[in-house]
Amino acid sequence: MNLTTGLLTRITQTPGQCGGRPCIRGMRIRVTDILEMLAENVSVTEILEDFPDLELADIQACLLFAARRTDFTRLTA
């Protein structure tokens, strides 16, 4: 298992939990919550302090998950 695959296994989607939205390691911490905090300039250190169950790799997984979701194939004519 490479690093990328390992990071993405931290993102889980469980029907009935957080409306089926992507969460971190089965916890009720949504990927969108972490991404919005980062967008609001909350530091990684602050996020980790506020959510002691999170690990740095969880935040990296959120970023990778978002990057993969926005990588669209470009079609040319």
PDB file of N, CA and C in Angstrom:
ATOM      1  N   MET A   1       0.856  -1.180   0.000  1.00  0.00           N
ATOM      2  CA  MET A   1       0.000   0.000   0.000  1.00  0.00           C
ATOM      3  C   MET A   1       0.898   1.239   0.000  1.00  0.00           C
ATOM      4  N   ASN A   2       0.679   2.124  -0.974  1.00  0.00           N
ATOM      5  CA  ASN A   2       1.496   3.330  -1.019  1.00  0.00           C
ATOM      6  C   ASN A   2       0.918   4.400  -0.094  1.00  0.00           C
ATOM      7  N   LEU A   3       1.649   5.467   0.089  1.00  0.00           N
ATOM      8  CA  LEU A   3       1.252   6.521   1.012  1.00  0.00           C
ATOM      9  C   LEU A   3      -0.107   7.105   0.659  1.00  0.00           C
ATOM     10  N   THR A   4      -0.345   7.358  -0.631  1.00  0.00           N
ATOM     11  CA  THR A   4      -1.603   7.946  -1.072  1.00  0.00           C
ATOM     12  C   THR A   4      -2.779   7.045  -0.723  1.00  0.00           C
ATOM     13  N   THR A   5      -2.660   5.770  -1.044  1.00  0.00           N
ATOM     14  CA  THR A   5      -3.727   4.827  -0.744  1.00  0.00           C
ATOM     15  C   THR A   5      -3.953   4.751   0.762  1.00  0.00           C
ATOM     16  N   GLY A   6      -2.891   4.740   1.521  1.00  0.00           N
ATOM     17  CA  GLY A   6      -3.010   4.691   2.978  1.00  0.00           C
ATOM     18  C   GLY A   6      -3.737   5.899   3.535  1.00  0.00           C
ATOM     19  N   LEU A   7      -3.453   7.066   2.991  1.00  0.00           N
ATOM     20  CA  LEU A   7      -4.142   8.275   3.454  1.00  0.00           C
ATOM     21  C   LEU A   7      -5.630   8.201   3.146  1.00  0.00           C
ATOM     22  N   LEU A   8      -5.972   7.769   1.964  1.00  0.00           N
ATOM     23  CA  LEU A   8      -7.384   7.753   1.570  1.00  0.00           C
ATOM     24  C   LEU A   8      -8.206   6.740   2.353  1.00  0.00           C
ATOM     25  N   THR A   9      -7.560   5.732   2.938  1.00  0.00           N
ATOM     26  CA  THR A   9      -8.318   4.779   3.757  1.00  0.00           C
ATOM     27  C   THR A   9      -8.798   5.425   5.055  1.00  0.00           C
ATOM     28  N   ARG A  10      -8.257   6.577   5.401  1.00  0.00           N
ATOM     29  CA  ARG A  10      -8.700   7.303   6.594  1.00  0.00           C
ATOM     30  C   ARG A  10     -10.052   7.980   6.383  1.00  0.00           C
ATOM     31  N   ILE A  11     -10.458   8.124   5.132  1.00  0.00           N
ATOM     32  CA  ILE A  11     -11.735   8.764   4.821  1.00  0.00           C
ATOM     33  C   ILE A  11     -12.791   7.678   4.680  1.00  0.00           C
ATOM     34  N   THR A  12     -13.853   7.794   5.469  1.00  0.00           N
ATOM     35  CA  THR A  12     -14.913   6.787   5.467  1.00  0.00           C
ATOM     36  C   THR A  12     -16.250   7.442   5.164  1.00  0.00           C
ATOM     37  N   GLN A  13     -17.132   6.657   4.570  1.00  0.00           N
ATOM     38  CA  GLN A  13     -18.503   7.099   4.326  1.00  0.00           C
ATOM     39  C   GLN A  13     -19.430   5.992   4.812  1.00  0.00           C
ATOM     40  N   THR A  14     -20.232   6.320   5.823  1.00  0.00           N
ATOM     41  CA  THR A  14     -21.133   5.348   6.416  1.00  0.00           C
ATOM     42  C   THR A  14     -22.554   5.865   6.305  1.00  0.00           C
ATOM     43  N   PRO A  15     -23.438   5.103   5.640  1.00  0.00           N
ATOM     44  CA  PRO A  15     -24.831   5.548   5.550  1.00  0.00           C
ATOM     45  C   PRO A  15     -25.395   5.788   6.954  1.00  0.00           C
ATOM     46  N   GLY A  16     -26.094   6.882   7.111  1.00  0.00           N
ATOM     47  CA  GLY A  16     -26.695   7.197   8.405  1.00  0.00           C
ATOM     48  C   GLY A  16     -25.792   7.966   9.355  1.00  0.00           C
ATOM     49  N   GLN A  17     -24.527   8.065   9.040  1.00  0.00           N
ATOM     50  CA  GLN A  17     -23.611   8.848   9.882  1.00  0.00           C
ATOM     51  C   GLN A  17     -23.280  10.136   9.152  1.00  0.00           C
ATOM     52  N   CYS A  18     -23.601  11.252   9.752  1.00  0.00           N
ATOM     53  CA  CYS A  18     -23.357  12.571   9.165  1.00  0.00           C
ATOM     54  C   CYS A  18     -23.973  12.668   7.770  1.00  0.00           C
ATOM     55  N   GLY A  19     -25.133  12.067   7.610  1.00  0.00           N
ATOM     56  CA  GLY A  19     -25.826  12.123   6.327  1.00  0.00           C
ATOM     57  C   GLY A  19     -25.089  11.419   5.198  1.00  0.00           C
ATOM     58  N   GLY A  20     -24.225  10.469   5.542  1.00  0.00           N
ATOM     59  CA  GLY A  20     -23.466   9.750   4.527  1.00  0.00           C
ATOM     60  C   GLY A  20     -22.295  10.531   3.968  1.00  0.00           C
ATOM     61  N   ARG A  21     -22.024  11.680   4.559  1.00  0.00           N
ATOM     62  CA  ARG A  21     -20.908  12.505   4.073  1.00  0.00           C
ATOM     63  C   ARG A  21     -19.567  11.894   4.487  1.00  0.00           C
ATOM     64  N   PRO A  22     -18.522  12.182   3.720  1.00  0.00           N
ATOM     65  CA  PRO A  22     -17.192  11.658   4.059  1.00  0.00           C
ATOM     66  C   PRO A  22     -16.722  12.177   5.415  1.00  0.00           C
ATOM     67  N   CYS A  23     -16.264  11.248   6.250  1.00  0.00           N
ATOM     68  CA  CYS A  23     -15.769  11.566   7.598  1.00  0.00           C
ATOM     69  C   CYS A  23     -14.358  11.004   7.751  1.00  0.00           C
ATOM     70  N   ILE A  24     -13.772  11.298   8.879  1.00  0.00           N
ATOM     71  CA  ILE A  24     -12.422  10.835   9.161  1.00  0.00           C
ATOM     72  C   ILE A  24     -12.481   9.630  10.090  1.00  0.00           C
ATOM     73  N   ARG A  25     -11.951   8.532   9.613  1.00  0.00           N
ATOM     74  CA  ARG A  25     -11.809   7.282  10.369  1.00  0.00           C
ATOM     75  C   ARG A  25     -13.068   6.890  11.160  1.00  0.00           C
ATOM     76  N   GLY A  26     -14.226   7.057  10.564  1.00  0.00           N
ATOM     77  CA  GLY A  26     -15.462   6.636  11.210  1.00  0.00           C
ATOM     78  C   GLY A  26     -15.937   7.557  12.318  1.00  0.00           C
ATOM     79  N   MET A  27     -15.190   8.617  12.582  1.00  0.00           N
ATOM     80  CA  MET A  27     -15.604   9.578  13.609  1.00  0.00           C
ATOM     81  C   MET A  27     -16.625  10.530  12.997  1.00  0.00           C
ATOM     82  N   ARG A  28     -17.271  11.281  13.799  1.00  0.00           N
ATOM     83  CA  ARG A  28     -18.245  12.253  13.309  1.00  0.00           C
ATOM     84  C   ARG A  28     -17.591  13.607  13.019  1.00  0.00           C
ATOM     85  N   ILE A  29     -16.404  13.553  12.478  1.00  0.00           N
ATOM     86  CA  ILE A  29     -15.694  14.742  12.024  1.00  0.00           C
ATOM     87  C   ILE A  29     -15.689  14.666  10.508  1.00  0.00           C
ATOM     88  N   ARG A  30     -16.417  15.577   9.876  1.00  0.00           N
ATOM     89  CA  ARG A  30     -16.562  15.539   8.419  1.00  0.00           C
ATOM     90  C   ARG A  30     -15.346  16.149   7.727  1.00  0.00           C
ATOM     91  N   VAL A  31     -15.048  15.627   6.569  1.00  0.00           N
ATOM     92  CA  VAL A  31     -13.958  16.168   5.750  1.00  0.00           C
ATOM     93  C   VAL A  31     -14.207  17.647   5.481  1.00  0.00           C
ATOM     94  N   THR A  32     -15.464  17.993   5.181  1.00  0.00           N
ATOM     95  CA  THR A  32     -15.779  19.398   4.894  1.00  0.00           C
ATOM     96  C   THR A  32     -15.495  20.302   6.080  1.00  0.00           C
ATOM     97  N   ASP A  33     -15.691  19.807   7.292  1.00  0.00           N
ATOM     98  CA  ASP A  33     -15.402  20.625   8.481  1.00  0.00           C
ATOM     99  C   ASP A  33     -13.925  20.997   8.525  1.00  0.00           C
ATOM    100  N   ILE A  34     -13.073  20.024   8.272  1.00  0.00           N
ATOM    101  CA  ILE A  34     -11.625  20.272   8.295  1.00  0.00           C
ATOM    102  C   ILE A  34     -11.226  21.210   7.162  1.00  0.00           C
ATOM    103  N   LEU A  35     -11.753  20.965   5.970  1.00  0.00           N
ATOM    104  CA  LEU A  35     -11.407  21.814   4.822  1.00  0.00           C
ATOM    105  C   LEU A  35     -11.859  23.253   5.038  1.00  0.00           C
ATOM    106  N   GLU A  36     -13.045  23.434   5.608  1.00  0.00           N
ATOM    107  CA  GLU A  36     -13.529  24.796   5.867  1.00  0.00           C
ATOM    108  C   GLU A  36     -12.663  25.501   6.904  1.00  0.00           C
ATOM    109  N   MET A  37     -12.235  24.775   7.921  1.00  0.00           N
ATOM    110  CA  MET A  37     -11.355  25.391   8.920  1.00  0.00           C
ATOM    111  C   MET A  37     -10.040  25.828   8.272  1.00  0.00           C
ATOM    112  N   LEU A  38      -9.475  24.973   7.428  1.00  0.00           N
ATOM    113  CA  LEU A  38      -8.239  25.336   6.741  1.00  0.00           C
ATOM    114  C   LEU A  38      -8.455  26.551   5.854  1.00  0.00           C
ATOM    115  N   ALA A  39      -9.606  26.614   5.173  1.00  0.00           N
ATOM    116  CA  ALA A  39      -9.919  27.758   4.305  1.00  0.00           C
ATOM    117  C   ALA A  39     -10.084  29.043   5.108  1.00  0.00           C
ATOM    118  N   GLU A  40     -10.513  28.903   6.369  1.00  0.00           N
ATOM    119  CA  GLU A  40     -10.685  30.065   7.244  1.00  0.00           C
ATOM    120  C   GLU A  40      -9.393  30.426   7.966  1.00  0.00           C
ATOM    121  N   ASN A  41      -8.290  29.827   7.522  1.00  0.00           N
ATOM    122  CA  ASN A  41      -6.959  30.124   8.051  1.00  0.00           C
ATOM    123  C   ASN A  41      -6.724  29.602   9.465  1.00  0.00           C
ATOM    124  N   VAL A  42      -7.464  28.587   9.867  1.00  0.00           N
ATOM    125  CA  VAL A  42      -7.186  27.923  11.138  1.00  0.00           C
ATOM    126  C   VAL A  42      -5.968  27.038  10.893  1.00  0.00           C
ATOM    127  N   SER A  43      -4.991  27.129  11.747  1.00  0.00           N
ATOM    128  CA  SER A  43      -3.754  26.372  11.525  1.00  0.00           C
ATOM    129  C   SER A  43      -3.972  24.888  11.828  1.00  0.00           C
ATOM    130  N   VAL A  44      -3.127  24.082  11.239  1.00  0.00           N
ATOM    131  CA  VAL A  44      -3.169  22.638  11.484  1.00  0.00           C
ATOM    132  C   VAL A  44      -2.976  22.372  12.975  1.00  0.00           C
ATOM    133  N   THR A  45      -2.077  23.108  13.595  1.00  0.00           N
ATOM    134  CA  THR A  45      -1.831  22.944  15.030  1.00  0.00           C
ATOM    135  C   THR A  45      -3.093  23.209  15.834  1.00  0.00           C
ATOM    136  N   GLU A  46      -3.813  24.288  15.495  1.00  0.00           N
ATOM    137  CA  GLU A  46      -5.057  24.606  16.203  1.00  0.00           C
ATOM    138  C   GLU A  46      -6.110  23.515  16.007  1.00  0.00           C
ATOM    139  N   ILE A  47      -6.217  23.008  14.794  1.00  0.00           N
ATOM    140  CA  ILE A  47      -7.198  21.944  14.525  1.00  0.00           C
ATOM    141  C   ILE A  47      -6.865  20.716  15.358  1.00  0.00           C
ATOM    142  N   LEU A  48      -5.605  20.342  15.387  1.00  0.00           N
ATOM    143  CA  LEU A  48      -5.196  19.171  16.165  1.00  0.00           C
ATOM    144  C   LEU A  48      -5.413  19.378  17.665  1.00  0.00           C
ATOM    145  N   GLU A  49      -5.263  20.608  18.128  1.00  0.00           N
ATOM    146  CA  GLU A  49      -5.522  20.904  19.541  1.00  0.00           C
ATOM    147  C   GLU A  49      -7.017  20.830  19.850  1.00  0.00           C
ATOM    148  N   ASP A  50      -7.850  21.329  18.921  1.00  0.00           N
ATOM    149  CA  ASP A  50      -9.299  21.333  19.120  1.00  0.00           C
ATOM    150  C   ASP A  50      -9.920  19.950  18.985  1.00  0.00           C
ATOM    151  N   PHE A  51      -9.283  19.083  18.205  1.00  0.00           N
ATOM    152  CA  PHE A  51      -9.775  17.725  17.971  1.00  0.00           C
ATOM    153  C   PHE A  51      -8.665  16.739  18.330  1.00  0.00           C
ATOM    154  N   PRO A  52      -8.510  16.420  19.608  1.00  0.00           N
ATOM    155  CA  PRO A  52      -7.377  15.589  20.032  1.00  0.00           C
ATOM    156  C   PRO A  52      -7.365  14.173  19.446  1.00  0.00           C
ATOM    157  N   ASP A  53      -8.493  13.700  18.909  1.00  0.00           N
ATOM    158  CA  ASP A  53      -8.512  12.373  18.292  1.00  0.00           C
ATOM    159  C   ASP A  53      -7.951  12.385  16.876  1.00  0.00           C
ATOM    160  N   LEU A  54      -7.775  13.575  16.305  1.00  0.00           N
ATOM    161  CA  LEU A  54      -7.237  13.690  14.952  1.00  0.00           C
ATOM    162  C   LEU A  54      -5.720  13.568  14.960  1.00  0.00           C
ATOM    163  N   GLU A  55      -5.205  13.123  13.832  1.00  0.00           N
ATOM    164  CA  GLU A  55      -3.762  13.040  13.609  1.00  0.00           C
ATOM    165  C   GLU A  55      -3.428  13.863  12.364  1.00  0.00           C
ATOM    166  N   LEU A  56      -2.192  14.241  12.237  1.00  0.00           N
ATOM    167  CA  LEU A  56      -1.762  15.024  11.082  1.00  0.00           C
ATOM    168  C   LEU A  56      -2.137  14.314   9.774  1.00  0.00           C
ATOM    169  N   ALA A  57      -1.984  13.016   9.738  1.00  0.00           N
ATOM    170  CA  ALA A  57      -2.317  12.252   8.532  1.00  0.00           C
ATOM    171  C   ALA A  57      -3.797  12.374   8.173  1.00  0.00           C
ATOM    172  N   ASP A  58      -4.664  12.604   9.153  1.00  0.00           N
ATOM    173  CA  ASP A  58      -6.090  12.792   8.871  1.00  0.00           C
ATOM    174  C   ASP A  58      -6.316  14.073   8.078  1.00  0.00           C
ATOM    175  N   ILE A  59      -5.610  15.118   8.448  1.00  0.00           N
ATOM    176  CA  ILE A  59      -5.734  16.392   7.734  1.00  0.00           C
ATOM    177  C   ILE A  59      -5.157  16.256   6.325  1.00  0.00           C
ATOM    178  N   GLN A  60      -4.036  15.575   6.208  1.00  0.00           N
ATOM    179  CA  GLN A  60      -3.458  15.320   4.889  1.00  0.00           C
ATOM    180  C   GLN A  60      -4.430  14.514   4.034  1.00  0.00           C
ATOM    181  N   ALA A  61      -5.123  13.559   4.640  1.00  0.00           N
ATOM    182  CA  ALA A  61      -6.098  12.744   3.917  1.00  0.00           C
ATOM    183  C   ALA A  61      -7.257  13.594   3.409  1.00  0.00           C
ATOM    184  N   CYS A  62      -7.701  14.555   4.203  1.00  0.00           N
ATOM    185  CA  CYS A  62      -8.776  15.459   3.778  1.00  0.00           C
ATOM    186  C   CYS A  62      -8.352  16.258   2.547  1.00  0.00           C
ATOM    187  N   LEU A  63      -7.142  16.762   2.571  1.00  0.00           N
ATOM    188  CA  LEU A  63      -6.643  17.538   1.436  1.00  0.00           C
ATOM    189  C   LEU A  63      -6.506  16.674   0.190  1.00  0.00           C
ATOM    190  N   LEU A  64      -5.994  15.473   0.346  1.00  0.00           N
ATOM    191  CA  LEU A  64      -5.854  14.565  -0.784  1.00  0.00           C
ATOM    192  C   LEU A  64      -7.220  14.167  -1.336  1.00  0.00           C
ATOM    193  N   PHE A  65      -8.167  13.894  -0.444  1.00  0.00           N
ATOM    194  CA  PHE A  65      -9.528  13.540  -0.847  1.00  0.00           C
ATOM    195  C   PHE A  65     -10.140  14.662  -1.682  1.00  0.00           C
ATOM    196  N   ALA A  66      -9.987  15.899  -1.216  1.00  0.00           N
ATOM    197  CA  ALA A  66     -10.528  17.048  -1.952  1.00  0.00           C
ATOM    198  C   ALA A  66      -9.831  17.212  -3.296  1.00  0.00           C
ATOM    199  N   ALA A  67      -8.527  17.032  -3.330  1.00  0.00           N
ATOM    200  CA  ALA A  67      -7.783  17.154  -4.578  1.00  0.00           C
ATOM    201  C   ALA A  67      -8.247  16.114  -5.589  1.00  0.00           C
ATOM    202  N   ARG A  68      -8.477  14.909  -5.131  1.00  0.00           N
ATOM    203  CA  ARG A  68      -8.933  13.850  -6.033  1.00  0.00           C
ATOM    204  C   ARG A  68     -10.334  14.137  -6.560  1.00  0.00           C
ATOM    205  N   ARG A  69     -11.173  14.759  -5.745  1.00  0.00           N
ATOM    206  CA  ARG A  69     -12.540  15.062  -6.157  1.00  0.00           C
ATOM    207  C   ARG A  69     -12.599  16.191  -7.176  1.00  0.00           C
ATOM    208  N   THR A  70     -11.553  16.985  -7.274  1.00  0.00           N
ATOM    209  CA  THR A  70     -11.559  18.111  -8.207  1.00  0.00           C
ATOM    210  C   THR A  70     -10.690  17.861  -9.433  1.00  0.00           C
ATOM    211  N   ASP A  71     -10.154  16.671  -9.569  1.00  0.00           N
ATOM    212  CA  ASP A  71      -9.288  16.338 -10.696  1.00  0.00           C
ATOM    213  C   ASP A  71     -10.134  15.750 -11.816  1.00  0.00           C
ATOM    214  N   PHE A  72     -10.579  16.608 -12.729  1.00  0.00           N
ATOM    215  CA  PHE A  72     -11.428  16.199 -13.835  1.00  0.00           C
ATOM    216  C   PHE A  72     -10.594  16.022 -15.087  1.00  0.00           C
ATOM    217  N   THR A  73     -10.912  15.029 -15.852  1.00  0.00           N
ATOM    218  CA  THR A  73     -10.256  14.814 -17.134  1.00  0.00           C
ATOM    219  C   THR A  73     -10.629  15.921 -18.084  1.00  0.00           C
ATOM    220  N   ARG A  74      -9.651  16.460 -18.746  1.00  0.00           N
ATOM    221  CA  ARG A  74      -9.903  17.551 -19.697  1.00  0.00           C
ATOM    222  C   ARG A  74     -10.034  16.975 -21.098  1.00  0.00           C
ATOM    223  N   LEU A  75     -11.156  17.211 -21.688  1.00  0.00           N
ATOM    224  CA  LEU A  75     -11.397  16.735 -23.041  1.00  0.00           C
ATOM    225  C   LEU A  75     -11.077  17.840 -24.038  1.00  0.00           C
ATOM    226  N   THR A  76     -10.392  17.484 -25.109  1.00  0.00           N
ATOM    227  CA  THR A  76     -10.088  18.460 -26.149  1.00  0.00           C
ATOM    228  C   THR A  76     -10.666  17.969 -27.468  1.00  0.00           C
ATOM    229  N   ALA A  77     -11.037  18.919 -28.288  1.00  0.00           N
ATOM    230  CA  ALA A  77     -11.655  18.558 -29.582  1.00  0.00           C
ATOM    231  C   ALA A  77     -10.611  18.422 -30.655  1.00  0.00           C
TER     232      ALA A  77
END
